Amino acid sequence: KKGYFKAPYIGGKTGTSNDYHDMWFVGLTDTYTMGVWVGKDTPSSVEYLHSISPQLSIFKGTLQAAY
C-alpha cells in the first residue's frame, strides 16, 4: 500500500539482501518501469529503515511527479 499509485495498471516486487544491506523495489505501470535501490556505498545494515519502506515512497513520489 505504501507504493500504491492510481494508474490503469500497476505492479511491483520488493526485495532485500542478506543482513538488510540493500532494499529494492522494481515496479511498473502502463507507461513506466522503474527500479529503486536503497543502501549505502559501503555494505552495512539499513534494517532500521525496513519499517518505513523508503524504496516504496521513492517509487510513489517519482510516479506522482512523472504523471
Protein backbone atom coordinates (compact mmCIF):
# COMPACT_ATOMS: atom_id res chain seq x y z
CA LYS A 1 0.00 0.00 0.00
CA LYS A 2 2.89 2.39 0.63
CA GLY A 3 3.81 2.30 -3.05
CA TYR A 4 0.27 2.38 -4.43
CA PHE A 5 -0.40 4.84 -7.20
CA LYS A 6 -3.63 5.12 -9.14
CA ALA A 7 -2.84 4.02 -12.68
CA PRO A 8 -4.62 1.81 -15.23
CA TYR A 9 -2.09 -0.92 -14.40
CA ILE A 10 0.44 -1.11 -11.58
CA GLY A 11 2.59 -3.93 -10.23
CA GLY A 12 5.87 -4.50 -8.49
CA LYS A 13 8.12 -6.61 -6.30
CA THR A 14 10.15 -5.72 -3.21
CA GLY A 15 13.38 -7.37 -2.14
CA THR A 16 16.14 -7.23 0.44
CA SER A 17 19.66 -8.61 0.52
CA ASN A 18 21.26 -10.61 3.31
CA ASP A 19 21.52 -8.68 6.57
CA TYR A 20 19.47 -5.82 5.10
CA HIS A 21 22.42 -4.28 3.25
CA ASP A 22 20.14 -3.36 0.34
CA MET A 23 16.43 -2.79 -0.23
CA TRP A 24 14.92 -2.94 -3.70
CA PHE A 25 11.67 -2.27 -5.45
CA VAL A 26 11.00 -2.86 -9.14
CA GLY A 27 7.65 -1.56 -10.29
CA LEU A 28 5.75 -0.75 -13.44
CA THR A 29 2.65 0.97 -14.70
CA ASP A 30 1.11 1.02 -18.14
CA THR A 31 3.57 3.81 -19.01
CA TYR A 32 6.69 3.49 -16.82
CA THR A 33 9.06 0.85 -15.46
CA MET A 34 11.31 1.74 -12.55
CA GLY A 35 13.85 0.13 -10.24
CA VAL A 36 14.65 1.70 -6.86
CA TRP A 37 17.64 0.75 -4.70
CA VAL A 38 18.20 1.90 -1.10
CA GLY A 39 21.52 1.12 0.55
CA LYS A 40 24.91 2.52 1.50
CA ASP A 41 28.12 2.90 -0.51
CA THR A 42 29.90 0.59 1.92
CA PRO A 43 27.93 -2.52 2.91
CA SER A 44 26.22 -2.08 6.26
CA SER A 45 22.73 -2.72 7.53
CA VAL A 46 19.82 -0.44 6.69
CA GLU A 47 17.41 -2.62 8.69
CA TYR A 48 16.36 0.44 10.71
CA LEU A 49 14.68 1.70 7.50
CA HIS A 50 12.78 -1.55 6.86
CA SER A 51 9.55 -0.50 8.61
CA ILE A 52 9.22 2.74 6.62
CA SER A 53 9.99 1.13 3.22
CA PRO A 54 11.76 4.11 1.64
CA GLN A 55 12.03 2.32 -1.71
CA LEU A 56 8.22 2.36 -1.98
CA SER A 57 7.97 6.05 -1.07
CA ILE A 58 10.58 6.88 -3.72
CA PHE A 59 8.67 4.85 -6.33
CA LYS A 60 5.37 6.54 -5.49
CA GLY A 61 6.85 10.05 -5.34
CA THR A 62 8.61 9.63 -8.67
CA LEU A 63 5.40 8.40 -10.33
CA GLN A 64 3.45 11.33 -8.91
CA ALA A 65 5.99 13.72 -10.42
CA ALA A 66 6.02 11.88 -13.76
CA TYR A 67 2.26 11.71 -14.20
